[in-house]
C-alpha atoms as a PDB file:
ATOM      1  CA  MET A   1       0.000   0.000   0.000  1.00  0.00           C
ATOM      2  CA  LYS A   2       2.853   2.310   0.891  1.00  0.00           C
ATOM      3  CA  TYR A   3       4.445   1.780  -2.549  1.00  0.00           C
ATOM      4  CA  LEU A   4       1.158   2.495  -4.284  1.00  0.00           C
ATOM      5  CA  ALA A   5       0.878   5.818  -2.453  1.00  0.00           C
ATOM      6  CA  ILE A   6       4.453   6.733  -3.413  1.00  0.00           C
ATOM      7  CA  ALA A   7       3.858   5.779  -7.054  1.00  0.00           C
ATOM      8  CA  ALA A   8       0.662   7.825  -7.167  1.00  0.00           C
ATOM      9  CA  SER A   9       2.440  10.825  -5.649  1.00  0.00           C
ATOM     10  CA  VAL A  10       5.264  10.629  -8.183  1.00  0.00           C
ATOM     11  CA  PHE A  11       2.738  10.359 -11.014  1.00  0.00           C
ATOM     12  CA  LEU A  12       0.769  13.383  -9.795  1.00  0.00           C
ATOM     13  CA  LEU A  13       3.918  15.457  -9.377  1.00  0.00           C
ATOM     14  CA  GLY A  14       4.996  14.550 -12.898  1.00  0.00           C
ATOM     15  CA  THR A  15       1.600  15.497 -14.283  1.00  0.00           C
ATOM     16  CA  ALA A  16       1.642  18.849 -12.461  1.00  0.00           C
ATOM     17  CA  ALA A  17       5.137  19.604 -13.733  1.00  0.00           C
ATOM     18  CA  ALA A  18       4.151  18.717 -17.297  1.00  0.00           C
ATOM     19  CA  SER A  19       1.097  20.957 -17.058  1.00  0.00           C
ATOM     20  CA  ALA A  20       3.097  23.887 -15.729  1.00  0.00           C
ATOM     21  CA  ASP A  21       5.656  23.477 -18.510  1.00  0.00           C
ATOM     22  CA  ALA A  22       2.942  23.323 -21.172  1.00  0.00           C
ATOM     23  CA  ILE A  23       1.391  26.533 -19.853  1.00  0.00           C
ATOM     24  CA  GLU A  24       4.756  28.305 -19.791  1.00  0.00           C
ATOM     25  CA  ASP A  25       5.662  26.982 -23.243  1.00  0.00           C
ATOM     26  CA  ARG A  26       2.406  28.078 -24.871  1.00  0.00           C
ATOM     27  CA  GLN A  27       2.552  31.485 -23.200  1.00  0.00           C
ATOM     28  CA  ALA A  28       6.121  32.003 -24.448  1.00  0.00           C
ATOM     29  CA  HIS A  29       5.061  30.920 -27.942  1.00  0.00           C
ATOM     30  CA  MET A  30       2.149  33.334 -27.991  1.00  0.00           C
ATOM     31  CA  LYS A  31       4.338  36.160 -26.652  1.00  0.00           C
ATOM     32  CA  GLU A  32       6.604  35.669 -29.676  1.00  0.00           C
ATOM     33  CA  ARG A  33       3.549  36.022 -31.875  1.00  0.00           C
ATOM     34  CA  GLY A  34       2.417  39.104 -29.980  1.00  0.00           C
ATOM     35  CA  ALA A  35       5.797  40.782 -30.404  1.00  0.00           C
ATOM     36  CA  GLN A  36       5.473  40.559 -34.186  1.00  0.00           C
ATOM     37  CA  MET A  37       1.914  41.837 -34.054  1.00  0.00           C
ATOM     38  CA  GLN A  38       3.185  44.882 -32.134  1.00  0.00           C
ATOM     39  CA  VAL A  39       5.308  45.660 -35.193  1.00  0.00           C
ATOM     40  CA  LEU A  40       2.534  45.054 -37.710  1.00  0.00           C
ATOM     41  CA  VAL A  41      -0.551  46.572 -36.082  1.00  0.00           C
ATOM     42  CA  PRO A  42       0.688  50.203 -36.024  1.00  0.00           C
ATOM     43  CA  ILE A  43       1.752  49.874 -39.664  1.00  0.00           C
ATOM     44  CA  ALA A  44      -1.638  48.419 -40.649  1.00  0.00           C
ATOM     45  CA  GLN A  45      -3.346  51.275 -38.794  1.00  0.00           C
ATOM     46  CA  ALA A  46      -1.089  53.780 -40.622  1.00  0.00           C
ATOM     47  CA  LYS A  47       0.260  54.987 -37.270  1.00  0.00           C
ATOM     48  CA  ASN A  48       3.761  53.982 -38.368  1.00  0.00           C
ATOM     49  CA  PRO A  49       5.070  54.417 -41.904  1.00  0.00           C
ATOM     50  CA  PHE A  50       4.867  51.425 -44.215  1.00  0.00           C
ATOM     51  CA  ASP A  51       8.212  49.627 -44.448  1.00  0.00           C
ATOM     52  CA  ALA A  52       8.110  46.617 -46.772  1.00  0.00           C
ATOM     53  CA  ALA A  53      11.248  45.053 -45.264  1.00  0.00           C
ATOM     54  CA  ALA A  54       9.980  45.376 -41.680  1.00  0.00           C
ATOM     55  CA  VAL A  55       6.587  43.990 -42.689  1.00  0.00           C
ATOM     56  CA  MET A  56       8.133  40.986 -44.428  1.00  0.00           C
ATOM     57  CA  ASP A  57      10.494  40.323 -41.522  1.00  0.00           C
ATOM     58  CA  ALA A  58       7.555  40.297 -39.093  1.00  0.00           C
ATOM     59  CA  LEU A  59       5.368  38.204 -41.415  1.00  0.00           C
ATOM     60  CA  LYS A  60       8.144  35.641 -41.882  1.00  0.00           C
ATOM     61  CA  ALA A  61       8.655  35.511 -38.108  1.00  0.00           C
ATOM     62  CA  LEU A  62       4.920  34.854 -37.719  1.00  0.00           C
ATOM     63  CA  GLU A  63       5.118  32.141 -40.357  1.00  0.00           C
ATOM     64  CA  GLU A  64       7.963  30.445 -38.465  1.00  0.00           C
ATOM     65  CA  ASN A  65       6.032  30.811 -35.213  1.00  0.00           C
ATOM     66  CA  ALA A  66       2.894  29.317 -36.775  1.00  0.00           C
ATOM     67  CA  ALA A  67       4.883  26.386 -38.172  1.00  0.00           C
ATOM     68  CA  LYS A  68       6.213  25.634 -34.681  1.00  0.00           C
ATOM     69  CA  MET A  69       2.733  25.591 -33.141  1.00  0.00           C
ATOM     70  CA  ASP A  70       2.282  22.133 -31.636  1.00  0.00           C
ATOM     71  CA  ILE A  71      -1.242  21.946 -30.258  1.00  0.00           C
ATOM     72  CA  GLU A  72      -0.729  18.576 -28.561  1.00  0.00           C
ATOM     73  CA  ALA A  73       2.456  19.758 -26.816  1.00  0.00           C
ATOM     74  CA  PHE A  74       1.174  23.200 -25.827  1.00  0.00           C
ATOM     75  CA  TRP A  75      -2.360  22.155 -24.802  1.00  0.00           C
ATOM     76  CA  PRO A  76      -2.164  18.543 -23.612  1.00  0.00           C
ATOM     77  CA  ALA A  77      -4.951  17.107 -21.492  1.00  0.00           C
ATOM     78  CA  GLY A  78      -4.445  18.154 -17.901  1.00  0.00           C
ATOM     79  CA  SER A  79      -2.747  21.463 -18.737  1.00  0.00           C
ATOM     80  CA  GLU A  80      -5.794  23.632 -18.224  1.00  0.00           C
ATOM     81  CA  GLY A  81      -5.020  27.035 -16.799  1.00  0.00           C
ATOM     82  CA  GLY A  82      -3.214  30.193 -17.664  1.00  0.00           C
ATOM     83  CA  LYS A  83      -5.159  32.307 -20.134  1.00  0.00           C
ATOM     84  CA  SER A  84      -6.545  29.302 -22.015  1.00  0.00           C
ATOM     85  CA  SER A  85     -10.279  28.748 -21.882  1.00  0.00           C
ATOM     86  CA  PRO A  86     -11.581  25.287 -20.960  1.00  0.00           C
ATOM     87  CA  LYS A  87     -13.346  25.432 -24.340  1.00  0.00           C
ATOM     88  CA  ILE A  88     -10.031  24.430 -25.963  1.00  0.00           C
ATOM     89  CA  TRP A  89     -10.246  20.977 -24.422  1.00  0.00           C
ATOM     90  CA  GLU A  90     -14.008  20.775 -25.019  1.00  0.00           C
ATOM     91  CA  ASP A  91     -13.611  21.677 -28.710  1.00  0.00           C
ATOM     92  CA  MET A  92     -10.079  20.581 -29.608  1.00  0.00           C
ATOM     93  CA  GLU A  93     -11.014  20.009 -33.268  1.00  0.00           C
ATOM     94  CA  GLY A  94     -12.409  23.544 -33.556  1.00  0.00           C
ATOM     95  CA  PHE A  95      -9.294  24.934 -31.879  1.00  0.00           C
ATOM     96  CA  LYS A  96      -7.059  23.029 -34.293  1.00  0.00           C
ATOM     97  CA  ALA A  97      -9.119  24.273 -37.242  1.00  0.00           C
ATOM     98  CA  ALA A  98      -8.762  27.880 -36.045  1.00  0.00           C
ATOM     99  CA  ASN A  99      -5.005  27.405 -35.793  1.00  0.00           C
ATOM    100  CA  GLU A 100      -4.837  25.892 -39.280  1.00  0.00           C
ATOM    101  CA  LYS A 101      -6.780  28.836 -40.737  1.00  0.00           C
ATOM    102  CA  TYR A 102      -4.413  31.293 -39.041  1.00  0.00           C
ATOM    103  CA  GLU A 103      -1.382  29.434 -40.372  1.00  0.00           C
ATOM    104  CA  ALA A 104      -2.821  29.409 -43.910  1.00  0.00           C
ATOM    105  CA  ASP A 105      -3.547  33.148 -43.753  1.00  0.00           C
ATOM    106  CA  VAL A 106      -0.030  33.885 -42.505  1.00  0.00           C
ATOM    107  CA  LYS A 107       1.428  31.851 -45.378  1.00  0.00           C
ATOM    108  CA  ALA A 108      -0.802  33.734 -47.818  1.00  0.00           C
ATOM    109  CA  ALA A 109       0.371  37.060 -46.384  1.00  0.00           C
ATOM    110  CA  VAL A 110       4.018  36.064 -46.825  1.00  0.00           C
ATOM    111  CA  ALA A 111       3.351  34.806 -50.359  1.00  0.00           C
ATOM    112  CA  ALA A 112       1.609  38.090 -51.222  1.00  0.00           C
ATOM    113  CA  ASN A 113       4.825  39.961 -50.382  1.00  0.00           C
ATOM    114  CA  PRO A 114       3.003  43.266 -49.802  1.00  0.00           C
ATOM    115  CA  GLN A 115       4.911  46.261 -51.141  1.00  0.00           C
ATOM    116  CA  ASP A 116       2.526  49.031 -50.148  1.00  0.00           C
ATOM    117  CA  LEU A 117       0.142  49.833 -47.337  1.00  0.00           C
ATOM    118  CA  GLY A 118      -3.007  48.863 -49.224  1.00  0.00           C
ATOM    119  CA  SER A 119      -1.785  45.413 -50.207  1.00  0.00           C
ATOM    120  CA  PHE A 120      -0.459  44.858 -46.687  1.00  0.00           C
ATOM    121  CA  GLN A 121      -3.754  45.867 -45.081  1.00  0.00           C
ATOM    122  CA  ALA A 122      -5.629  43.463 -47.379  1.00  0.00           C
ATOM    123  CA  VAL A 123      -3.637  40.426 -46.233  1.00  0.00           C
ATOM    124  CA  PHE A 124      -3.188  41.596 -42.662  1.00  0.00           C
ATOM    125  CA  GLY A 125      -6.916  41.976 -42.067  1.00  0.00           C
ATOM    126  CA  ALA A 126      -7.616  38.297 -42.725  1.00  0.00           C
ATOM    127  CA  MET A 127      -4.693  37.190 -40.610  1.00  0.00           C
ATOM    128  CA  ALA A 128      -5.464  39.488 -37.690  1.00  0.00           C
ATOM    129  CA  SER A 129      -9.148  38.568 -37.657  1.00  0.00           C
ATOM    130  CA  ASN A 130      -8.061  34.995 -36.874  1.00  0.00           C
ATOM    131  CA  CYS A 131      -6.314  36.254 -33.748  1.00  0.00           C
ATOM    132  CA  GLY A 132      -9.405  38.094 -32.581  1.00  0.00           C
ATOM    133  CA  SER A 133     -11.849  35.271 -33.209  1.00  0.00           C
ATOM    134  CA  CYS A 134      -9.574  32.705 -31.572  1.00  0.00           C
ATOM    135  CA  HIS A 135      -9.102  34.921 -28.509  1.00  0.00           C
ATOM    136  CA  GLU A 136     -12.858  35.409 -28.223  1.00  0.00           C
ATOM    137  CA  ALA A 137     -13.533  31.693 -28.352  1.00  0.00           C
ATOM    138  CA  TYR A 138     -10.511  30.129 -26.680  1.00  0.00           C
ATOM    139  CA  ARG A 139      -8.842  32.666 -24.393  1.00  0.00           C
ATOM    140  CA  LEU A 140      -9.901  33.844 -20.955  1.00  0.00           C
END
């Protein structure tokens, strides 16, 4: 009985550590994404001058970030918490679909290679709307 209690304790500690790491990992990943959005949003809003090189650098960084998104690793069962809504685990397929749409829109924005404010705003709007709708549905 004593060994069973020890084994259960070790298991629970391991699960808690894995959950904490997943939360930290996904928050760090999303902070990377947010840093690029802080470059792009003021340009899209015409608060900062359009700079094609800066836009492409940020879009490519978002594309790399999106490619590294690992839903199973960042949101495994038992890692509820942080800013993630429980709806993620209730609707994992919907969450994955939202992520796939974002990734596709980021790739399309990079492929468009916007060279002026108007063309950038056209591709940025679709990409940024994914962020908003995902936050509304899946973020606390």
